[in-house]
Amino acid sequence: MKSKVNIKTIQFFVMFLFVFQVSYSQVKIGDQAPEIELKNVKGDTVRLSDLKGKVVLIDFWASWCLPCRKANPDLEKIYQKYKDKGFVILGVSLDSKEAAWLGAIKKDKISYPQVIDPKNWNSKIVESYAVDKLPTSFLINEVGKIVALNPSHLQIEQALKP
């Protein structure tokens, strides 16, 4: 009987530590957005910090992710509507194959900036944003603070109002 109590106590403790670690590492609304520094389709380095002064939607996605691909046309429409009003989308691909990533950009007719993380799910960027599923997006205000997680179109529009 005593060993059952000890096992349950240990299981509870391990579960508590896991939940604490996950909740501790999750970025939250109001946090400064962690830096992103990755290569774009031309091989040039793009930094999130270079977009300061704009409202940025960071969209984590991949060519093999069907919900991501389904969302791309809507994201493109939003980008086209607001790109001249200080809004940019930064697509962060977790593809392992650059050719698949580039093919998806072309096929989906994505014109907003795209970068690829060659470390995929093992990257520090994925870890710093606590991305655990795709698609996942973060809305960043002009000063680099996270204002929404997986924002709706309405939240994006509200963030762009003067």
N, C-alpha and C. Protein backbone atom coordinates (compact mmCIF):
# COMPACT_ATOMS: atom_id res chain seq x y z
N MET A 1 0.83 -1.21 0.00
CA MET A 1 0.00 0.00 0.00
C MET A 1 0.86 1.26 0.00
N LYS A 2 1.92 1.24 0.76
CA LYS A 2 2.79 2.39 0.85
C LYS A 2 3.45 2.70 -0.50
N SER A 3 3.82 1.66 -1.26
CA SER A 3 4.46 1.89 -2.55
C SER A 3 3.49 2.52 -3.56
N LYS A 4 2.21 2.22 -3.47
CA LYS A 4 1.22 2.84 -4.36
C LYS A 4 1.14 4.34 -4.09
N VAL A 5 1.19 4.73 -2.84
CA VAL A 5 1.13 6.14 -2.50
C VAL A 5 2.37 6.85 -3.04
N ASN A 6 3.52 6.24 -2.87
CA ASN A 6 4.75 6.85 -3.36
C ASN A 6 4.74 7.00 -4.88
N ILE A 7 4.26 6.01 -5.58
CA ILE A 7 4.20 6.07 -7.04
C ILE A 7 3.24 7.18 -7.47
N LYS A 8 2.09 7.28 -6.81
CA LYS A 8 1.14 8.34 -7.16
C LYS A 8 1.72 9.72 -6.84
N THR A 9 2.44 9.82 -5.75
CA THR A 9 3.08 11.09 -5.39
C THR A 9 4.12 11.48 -6.44
N ILE A 10 4.90 10.52 -6.86
CA ILE A 10 5.93 10.77 -7.87
C ILE A 10 5.28 11.16 -9.19
N GLN A 11 4.21 10.44 -9.59
CA GLN A 11 3.53 10.77 -10.83
C GLN A 11 2.96 12.19 -10.79
N PHE A 12 2.37 12.56 -9.68
CA PHE A 12 1.82 13.90 -9.52
C PHE A 12 2.93 14.94 -9.64
N PHE A 13 4.04 14.70 -8.98
CA PHE A 13 5.15 15.63 -8.99
C PHE A 13 5.72 15.81 -10.39
N VAL A 14 5.89 14.71 -11.11
CA VAL A 14 6.40 14.76 -12.48
C VAL A 14 5.43 15.54 -13.37
N MET A 15 4.13 15.27 -13.24
CA MET A 15 3.13 15.97 -14.02
C MET A 15 3.15 17.47 -13.69
N PHE A 16 3.27 17.81 -12.42
CA PHE A 16 3.33 19.21 -12.01
C PHE A 16 4.53 19.91 -12.64
N LEU A 17 5.68 19.27 -12.63
CA LEU A 17 6.88 19.86 -13.22
C LEU A 17 6.71 20.07 -14.73
N PHE A 18 6.11 19.09 -15.40
CA PHE A 18 5.89 19.20 -16.83
C PHE A 18 4.96 20.37 -17.14
N VAL A 19 3.84 20.47 -16.45
CA VAL A 19 2.88 21.55 -16.67
C VAL A 19 3.52 22.89 -16.34
N PHE A 20 4.27 22.96 -15.27
CA PHE A 20 4.94 24.20 -14.88
C PHE A 20 5.93 24.63 -15.95
N GLN A 21 6.71 23.72 -16.46
CA GLN A 21 7.71 24.04 -17.48
C GLN A 21 7.03 24.51 -18.75
N VAL A 22 5.99 23.85 -19.20
CA VAL A 22 5.29 24.23 -20.42
C VAL A 22 4.66 25.62 -20.25
N SER A 23 4.00 25.87 -19.13
CA SER A 23 3.36 27.16 -18.94
C SER A 23 4.39 28.26 -18.74
N TYR A 24 5.53 27.93 -18.16
CA TYR A 24 6.58 28.90 -17.94
C TYR A 24 7.22 29.33 -19.26
N SER A 25 7.38 28.40 -20.20
CA SER A 25 8.08 28.71 -21.44
C SER A 25 7.15 29.33 -22.49
N GLN A 26 5.86 29.27 -22.32
CA GLN A 26 4.91 29.82 -23.28
C GLN A 26 4.98 31.35 -23.27
N VAL A 27 5.17 31.93 -24.45
CA VAL A 27 5.11 33.38 -24.53
C VAL A 27 3.67 33.81 -24.28
N LYS A 28 3.53 35.00 -23.73
CA LYS A 28 2.21 35.47 -23.35
C LYS A 28 1.94 36.84 -23.96
N ILE A 29 0.69 37.20 -24.02
CA ILE A 29 0.31 38.53 -24.47
C ILE A 29 0.99 39.55 -23.54
N GLY A 30 1.60 40.53 -24.14
CA GLY A 30 2.32 41.55 -23.39
C GLY A 30 3.82 41.31 -23.34
N ASP A 31 4.26 40.09 -23.66
CA ASP A 31 5.69 39.78 -23.70
C ASP A 31 6.32 40.41 -24.93
N GLN A 32 7.60 40.72 -24.81
CA GLN A 32 8.38 41.12 -25.99
C GLN A 32 8.53 39.90 -26.87
N ALA A 33 8.29 40.06 -28.16
CA ALA A 33 8.40 38.93 -29.09
C ALA A 33 9.87 38.51 -29.21
N PRO A 34 10.15 37.23 -29.04
CA PRO A 34 11.53 36.76 -29.22
C PRO A 34 12.02 37.05 -30.64
N GLU A 35 13.29 37.32 -30.75
CA GLU A 35 13.88 37.62 -32.07
C GLU A 35 13.77 36.42 -33.00
N ILE A 36 13.57 36.72 -34.25
CA ILE A 36 13.61 35.72 -35.32
C ILE A 36 14.67 36.21 -36.30
N GLU A 37 15.58 35.35 -36.66
CA GLU A 37 16.63 35.69 -37.62
C GLU A 37 16.85 34.47 -38.50
N LEU A 38 16.25 34.52 -39.70
CA LEU A 38 16.29 33.37 -40.61
C LEU A 38 16.46 33.85 -42.05
N LYS A 39 16.73 32.93 -42.94
CA LYS A 39 16.93 33.22 -44.36
C LYS A 39 15.60 33.23 -45.10
N ASN A 40 15.49 34.18 -46.04
CA ASN A 40 14.28 34.25 -46.87
C ASN A 40 14.48 33.46 -48.17
N VAL A 41 13.55 33.60 -49.09
CA VAL A 41 13.60 32.83 -50.33
C VAL A 41 14.82 33.16 -51.19
N LYS A 42 15.40 34.32 -51.00
CA LYS A 42 16.59 34.72 -51.76
C LYS A 42 17.88 34.38 -51.03
N GLY A 43 17.75 33.87 -49.80
CA GLY A 43 18.94 33.55 -49.01
C GLY A 43 19.42 34.70 -48.15
N ASP A 44 18.68 35.80 -48.14
CA ASP A 44 19.03 36.96 -47.31
C ASP A 44 18.50 36.76 -45.90
N THR A 45 19.21 37.30 -44.93
CA THR A 45 18.78 37.20 -43.54
C THR A 45 17.67 38.22 -43.26
N VAL A 46 16.61 37.75 -42.64
CA VAL A 46 15.49 38.60 -42.22
C VAL A 46 15.41 38.51 -40.71
N ARG A 47 15.28 39.68 -40.07
CA ARG A 47 15.15 39.74 -38.61
C ARG A 47 13.81 40.37 -38.25
N LEU A 48 13.16 39.80 -37.27
CA LEU A 48 11.90 40.38 -36.79
C LEU A 48 12.14 41.82 -36.32
N SER A 49 13.25 42.05 -35.67
CA SER A 49 13.56 43.39 -35.16
C SER A 49 13.65 44.44 -36.27
N ASP A 50 13.94 44.01 -37.50
CA ASP A 50 13.98 44.94 -38.63
C ASP A 50 12.59 45.45 -39.00
N LEU A 51 11.56 44.78 -38.51
CA LEU A 51 10.17 45.14 -38.81
C LEU A 51 9.55 46.03 -37.74
N LYS A 52 10.37 46.44 -36.75
CA LYS A 52 9.87 47.30 -35.68
C LYS A 52 9.24 48.54 -36.29
N GLY A 53 8.12 48.97 -35.73
CA GLY A 53 7.38 50.10 -36.27
C GLY A 53 6.20 49.66 -37.11
N LYS A 54 6.12 48.35 -37.39
CA LYS A 54 4.99 47.78 -38.13
C LYS A 54 4.25 46.80 -37.23
N VAL A 55 3.00 46.57 -37.56
CA VAL A 55 2.24 45.49 -36.93
C VAL A 55 2.59 44.23 -37.72
N VAL A 56 3.04 43.19 -37.02
CA VAL A 56 3.53 41.98 -37.69
C VAL A 56 2.71 40.77 -37.24
N LEU A 57 2.28 39.99 -38.20
CA LEU A 57 1.68 38.70 -37.91
C LEU A 57 2.75 37.65 -38.23
N ILE A 58 3.24 36.96 -37.22
CA ILE A 58 4.18 35.87 -37.43
C ILE A 58 3.34 34.62 -37.60
N ASP A 59 3.49 33.99 -38.76
CA ASP A 59 2.69 32.80 -39.09
C ASP A 59 3.62 31.60 -39.23
N PHE A 60 3.59 30.69 -38.26
CA PHE A 60 4.35 29.45 -38.33
C PHE A 60 3.53 28.46 -39.15
N TRP A 61 4.17 27.88 -40.18
CA TRP A 61 3.44 27.00 -41.09
C TRP A 61 4.42 26.04 -41.76
N ALA A 62 3.90 25.16 -42.60
CA ALA A 62 4.73 24.24 -43.40
C ALA A 62 3.94 23.82 -44.64
N SER A 63 4.65 23.44 -45.68
CA SER A 63 4.00 23.06 -46.94
C SER A 63 3.15 21.81 -46.80
N TRP A 64 3.50 20.92 -45.88
CA TRP A 64 2.79 19.65 -45.70
C TRP A 64 1.58 19.79 -44.77
N CYS A 65 1.38 20.97 -44.18
CA CYS A 65 0.30 21.21 -43.21
C CYS A 65 -0.95 21.68 -43.97
N LEU A 66 -1.96 20.81 -44.08
CA LEU A 66 -3.16 21.16 -44.83
C LEU A 66 -3.90 22.37 -44.27
N PRO A 67 -4.10 22.48 -42.93
CA PRO A 67 -4.76 23.69 -42.42
C PRO A 67 -3.95 24.96 -42.73
N CYS A 68 -2.63 24.85 -42.74
CA CYS A 68 -1.79 26.00 -43.09
C CYS A 68 -2.04 26.43 -44.52
N ARG A 69 -2.04 25.45 -45.41
CA ARG A 69 -2.21 25.74 -46.83
C ARG A 69 -3.59 26.31 -47.09
N LYS A 70 -4.57 25.82 -46.36
CA LYS A 70 -5.94 26.34 -46.51
C LYS A 70 -6.03 27.79 -46.05
N ALA A 71 -5.23 28.16 -45.05
CA ALA A 71 -5.25 29.52 -44.51
C ALA A 71 -4.49 30.52 -45.38
N ASN A 72 -3.55 30.04 -46.19
CA ASN A 72 -2.69 30.94 -46.96
C ASN A 72 -3.44 31.94 -47.83
N PRO A 73 -4.48 31.54 -48.57
CA PRO A 73 -5.20 32.54 -49.39
C PRO A 73 -5.83 33.66 -48.54
N ASP A 74 -6.37 33.31 -47.39
CA ASP A 74 -6.94 34.33 -46.50
C ASP A 74 -5.87 35.27 -45.98
N LEU A 75 -4.71 34.71 -45.61
CA LEU A 75 -3.62 35.54 -45.13
C LEU A 75 -3.15 36.49 -46.23
N GLU A 76 -3.08 35.98 -47.44
CA GLU A 76 -2.67 36.83 -48.57
C GLU A 76 -3.65 37.98 -48.76
N LYS A 77 -4.94 37.72 -48.63
CA LYS A 77 -5.96 38.78 -48.77
C LYS A 77 -5.77 39.85 -47.68
N ILE A 78 -5.56 39.40 -46.45
CA ILE A 78 -5.34 40.35 -45.34
C ILE A 78 -4.09 41.18 -45.61
N TYR A 79 -3.03 40.51 -46.05
CA TYR A 79 -1.78 41.21 -46.33
C TYR A 79 -2.00 42.27 -47.42
N GLN A 80 -2.65 41.91 -48.49
CA GLN A 80 -2.89 42.85 -49.59
C GLN A 80 -3.73 44.03 -49.12
N LYS A 81 -4.68 43.78 -48.25
CA LYS A 81 -5.58 44.83 -47.77
C LYS A 81 -4.86 45.84 -46.87
N TYR A 82 -3.90 45.36 -46.05
CA TYR A 82 -3.31 46.22 -45.03
C TYR A 82 -1.81 46.49 -45.18
N LYS A 83 -1.17 45.96 -46.20
CA LYS A 83 0.29 46.12 -46.32
C LYS A 83 0.72 47.57 -46.45
N ASP A 84 -0.14 48.44 -46.97
CA ASP A 84 0.19 49.85 -47.10
C ASP A 84 -0.18 50.65 -45.86
N LYS A 85 -0.65 49.95 -44.84
CA LYS A 85 -1.06 50.61 -43.59
C LYS A 85 -0.17 50.18 -42.42
N GLY A 86 1.05 49.75 -42.72
CA GLY A 86 1.99 49.40 -41.65
C GLY A 86 1.85 47.97 -41.15
N PHE A 87 1.34 47.08 -42.00
CA PHE A 87 1.13 45.68 -41.60
C PHE A 87 1.97 44.76 -42.48
N VAL A 88 2.56 43.76 -41.86
CA VAL A 88 3.31 42.76 -42.61
C VAL A 88 3.09 41.39 -41.98
N ILE A 89 3.07 40.39 -42.82
CA ILE A 89 3.04 39.01 -42.33
C ILE A 89 4.42 38.44 -42.56
N LEU A 90 4.94 37.76 -41.55
CA LEU A 90 6.21 37.05 -41.68
C LEU A 90 5.91 35.57 -41.56
N GLY A 91 5.96 34.88 -42.69
CA GLY A 91 5.74 33.44 -42.71
C GLY A 91 7.01 32.73 -42.28
N VAL A 92 6.90 31.87 -41.27
CA VAL A 92 8.04 31.10 -40.78
C VAL A 92 7.75 29.63 -41.05
N SER A 93 8.45 29.10 -42.04
CA SER A 93 8.22 27.71 -42.44
C SER A 93 9.05 26.75 -41.60
N LEU A 94 8.41 25.65 -41.24
CA LEU A 94 9.11 24.57 -40.53
C LEU A 94 9.33 23.38 -41.46
N ASP A 95 9.38 23.66 -42.74
CA ASP A 95 9.65 22.61 -43.73
C ASP A 95 11.07 22.10 -43.59
N SER A 96 11.24 20.81 -43.84
CA SER A 96 12.59 20.23 -43.85
C SER A 96 13.18 20.25 -45.26
N LYS A 97 12.32 20.45 -46.26
CA LYS A 97 12.77 20.47 -47.65
C LYS A 97 12.48 21.84 -48.25
N GLU A 98 13.55 22.53 -48.58
CA GLU A 98 13.40 23.88 -49.13
C GLU A 98 12.58 23.89 -50.41
N ALA A 99 12.74 22.88 -51.25
CA ALA A 99 12.00 22.83 -52.51
C ALA A 99 10.50 22.75 -52.27
N ALA A 100 10.08 22.00 -51.28
CA ALA A 100 8.65 21.90 -50.94
C ALA A 100 8.12 23.25 -50.46
N TRP A 101 8.92 23.93 -49.65
CA TRP A 101 8.56 25.26 -49.14
C TRP A 101 8.40 26.25 -50.29
N LEU A 102 9.39 26.31 -51.16
CA LEU A 102 9.35 27.23 -52.30
C LEU A 102 8.18 26.90 -53.24
N GLY A 103 7.92 25.61 -53.43
CA GLY A 103 6.80 25.20 -54.27
C GLY A 103 5.46 25.63 -53.70
N ALA A 104 5.32 25.52 -52.39
CA ALA A 104 4.06 25.94 -51.74
C ALA A 104 3.87 27.45 -51.84
N ILE A 105 4.94 28.21 -51.68
CA ILE A 105 4.85 29.67 -51.81
C ILE A 105 4.35 30.03 -53.21
N LYS A 106 4.94 29.39 -54.21
CA LYS A 106 4.54 29.67 -55.60
C LYS A 106 3.11 29.23 -55.87
N LYS A 107 2.78 28.01 -55.48
CA LYS A 107 1.44 27.48 -55.75
C LYS A 107 0.35 28.28 -55.04
N ASP A 108 0.63 28.69 -53.78
CA ASP A 108 -0.37 29.44 -53.00
C ASP A 108 -0.33 30.94 -53.30
N LYS A 109 0.59 31.36 -54.16
CA LYS A 109 0.73 32.76 -54.57
C LYS A 109 0.91 33.69 -53.37
N ILE A 110 1.85 33.32 -52.51
CA ILE A 110 2.15 34.11 -51.31
C ILE A 110 3.13 35.21 -51.67
N SER A 111 2.77 36.45 -51.38
CA SER A 111 3.65 37.58 -51.69
C SER A 111 4.28 38.20 -50.44
N TYR A 112 3.79 37.85 -49.26
CA TYR A 112 4.36 38.43 -48.04
C TYR A 112 5.67 37.71 -47.70
N PRO A 113 6.52 38.36 -46.92
CA PRO A 113 7.85 37.81 -46.61
C PRO A 113 7.79 36.41 -45.99
N GLN A 114 8.71 35.58 -46.46
CA GLN A 114 8.80 34.20 -46.00
C GLN A 114 10.23 33.88 -45.57
N VAL A 115 10.36 33.14 -44.48
CA VAL A 115 11.65 32.62 -44.04
C VAL A 115 11.47 31.14 -43.72
N ILE A 116 12.57 30.42 -43.69
CA ILE A 116 12.51 28.99 -43.38
C ILE A 116 13.47 28.71 -42.23
N ASP A 117 13.02 27.87 -41.31
CA ASP A 117 13.86 27.44 -40.19
C ASP A 117 14.37 26.04 -40.47
N PRO A 118 15.62 25.91 -40.84
CA PRO A 118 16.16 24.60 -41.23
C PRO A 118 16.20 23.59 -40.09
N LYS A 119 16.04 24.07 -38.86
CA LYS A 119 16.06 23.14 -37.71
C LYS A 119 14.65 22.65 -37.37
N ASN A 120 13.66 23.13 -38.13
CA ASN A 120 12.27 22.70 -37.97
C ASN A 120 11.84 22.74 -36.50
N TRP A 121 11.29 21.63 -36.04
CA TRP A 121 10.75 21.52 -34.68
C TRP A 121 11.84 21.59 -33.61
N ASN A 122 13.10 21.44 -33.99
CA ASN A 122 14.21 21.45 -33.03
C ASN A 122 14.87 22.82 -32.91
N SER A 123 14.24 23.83 -33.43
CA SER A 123 14.87 25.16 -33.43
C SER A 123 14.62 25.92 -32.14
N LYS A 124 15.51 26.85 -31.88
CA LYS A 124 15.37 27.73 -30.71
C LYS A 124 14.18 28.67 -30.89
N ILE A 125 13.86 29.01 -32.13
CA ILE A 125 12.72 29.89 -32.38
C ILE A 125 11.42 29.19 -32.03
N VAL A 126 11.27 27.94 -32.47
CA VAL A 126 10.08 27.16 -32.12
C VAL A 126 9.97 27.03 -30.61
N GLU A 127 11.09 26.79 -29.96
CA GLU A 127 11.11 26.66 -28.50
C GLU A 127 10.77 27.98 -27.83
N SER A 128 11.34 29.08 -28.31
CA SER A 128 11.09 30.37 -27.66
C SER A 128 9.65 30.82 -27.81
N TYR A 129 8.98 30.44 -28.91
CA TYR A 129 7.57 30.77 -29.09
C TYR A 129 6.65 29.65 -28.60
N ALA A 130 7.24 28.54 -28.16
CA ALA A 130 6.48 27.39 -27.67
C ALA A 130 5.46 26.91 -28.71
N VAL A 131 5.88 26.85 -29.96
CA VAL A 131 5.01 26.37 -31.03
C VAL A 131 4.94 24.85 -30.92
N ASP A 132 3.72 24.34 -30.79
CA ASP A 132 3.55 22.89 -30.68
C ASP A 132 2.58 22.33 -31.71
N LYS A 133 2.06 23.22 -32.57
CA LYS A 133 1.17 22.77 -33.65
C LYS A 133 1.20 23.82 -34.75
N LEU A 134 0.78 23.40 -35.91
CA LEU A 134 0.70 24.30 -37.05
C LEU A 134 -0.72 24.33 -37.59
N PRO A 135 -1.19 25.44 -38.07
CA PRO A 135 -0.54 26.75 -38.01
C PRO A 135 -0.66 27.37 -36.63
N THR A 136 0.30 28.21 -36.30
CA THR A 136 0.28 29.00 -35.08
C THR A 136 0.74 30.39 -35.46
N SER A 137 0.05 31.41 -34.94
CA SER A 137 0.43 32.77 -35.28
C SER A 137 0.43 33.68 -34.06
N PHE A 138 1.21 34.73 -34.17
CA PHE A 138 1.37 35.72 -33.10
C PHE A 138 1.27 37.10 -33.73
N LEU A 139 0.44 37.96 -33.14
CA LEU A 139 0.32 39.33 -33.62
C LEU A 139 1.20 40.21 -32.75
N ILE A 140 2.09 40.95 -33.39
CA ILE A 140 3.08 41.77 -32.71
C ILE A 140 2.79 43.24 -33.03
N ASN A 141 2.79 44.08 -32.00
CA ASN A 141 2.51 45.50 -32.26
C ASN A 141 3.77 46.24 -32.73
N GLU A 142 3.65 47.53 -32.92
CA GLU A 142 4.73 48.34 -33.50
C GLU A 142 5.99 48.37 -32.64
N VAL A 143 5.87 48.12 -31.35
CA VAL A 143 7.04 48.16 -30.47
C VAL A 143 7.56 46.76 -30.14
N GLY A 144 7.01 45.75 -30.82
CA GLY A 144 7.54 44.40 -30.66
C GLY A 144 6.91 43.56 -29.56
N LYS A 145 5.77 44.00 -29.04
CA LYS A 145 5.08 43.24 -27.99
C LYS A 145 4.01 42.33 -28.61
N ILE A 146 3.83 41.17 -28.04
CA ILE A 146 2.80 40.25 -28.48
C ILE A 146 1.46 40.77 -27.99
N VAL A 147 0.52 40.96 -28.93
CA VAL A 147 -0.80 41.47 -28.56
C VAL A 147 -1.90 40.43 -28.76
N ALA A 148 -1.62 39.33 -29.49
CA ALA A 148 -2.62 38.28 -29.67
C ALA A 148 -1.95 36.99 -30.12
N LEU A 149 -2.50 35.88 -29.67
CA LEU A 149 -2.07 34.55 -30.10
C LEU A 149 -3.15 33.99 -31.01
N ASN A 150 -2.77 33.53 -32.18
CA ASN A 150 -3.73 33.04 -33.18
C ASN A 150 -4.89 34.03 -33.35
N PRO A 151 -4.55 35.27 -33.73
CA PRO A 151 -5.57 36.33 -33.80
C PRO A 151 -6.59 36.11 -34.91
N SER A 152 -7.77 36.63 -34.66
CA SER A 152 -8.83 36.65 -35.67
C SER A 152 -8.57 37.82 -36.61
N HIS A 153 -9.29 37.87 -37.72
CA HIS A 153 -9.17 39.00 -38.64
C HIS A 153 -9.55 40.29 -37.93
N LEU A 154 -10.56 40.24 -37.06
CA LEU A 154 -11.00 41.42 -36.33
C LEU A 154 -9.89 41.94 -35.41
N GLN A 155 -9.19 41.04 -34.73
CA GLN A 155 -8.09 41.46 -33.86
C GLN A 155 -6.98 42.13 -34.66
N ILE A 156 -6.72 41.61 -35.85
CA ILE A 156 -5.69 42.21 -36.70
C ILE A 156 -6.13 43.61 -37.11
N GLU A 157 -7.38 43.75 -37.53
CA GLU A 157 -7.90 45.06 -37.94
C GLU A 157 -7.87 46.04 -36.78
N GLN A 158 -8.21 45.60 -35.58
CA GLN A 158 -8.19 46.49 -34.41
C GLN A 158 -6.76 46.94 -34.09
N ALA A 159 -5.79 46.07 -34.26
CA ALA A 159 -4.40 46.41 -34.01
C ALA A 159 -3.88 47.45 -34.99
N LEU A 160 -4.51 47.56 -36.14
CA LEU A 160 -4.08 48.49 -37.18
C LEU A 160 -4.77 49.85 -37.09
N LYS A 161 -5.75 49.96 -36.22
CA LYS A 161 -6.47 51.23 -36.08
C LYS A 161 -5.57 52.23 -35.33
N PRO A 162 -5.59 53.49 -35.79
CA PRO A 162 -4.75 54.53 -35.13
C PRO A 162 -5.25 54.88 -33.75
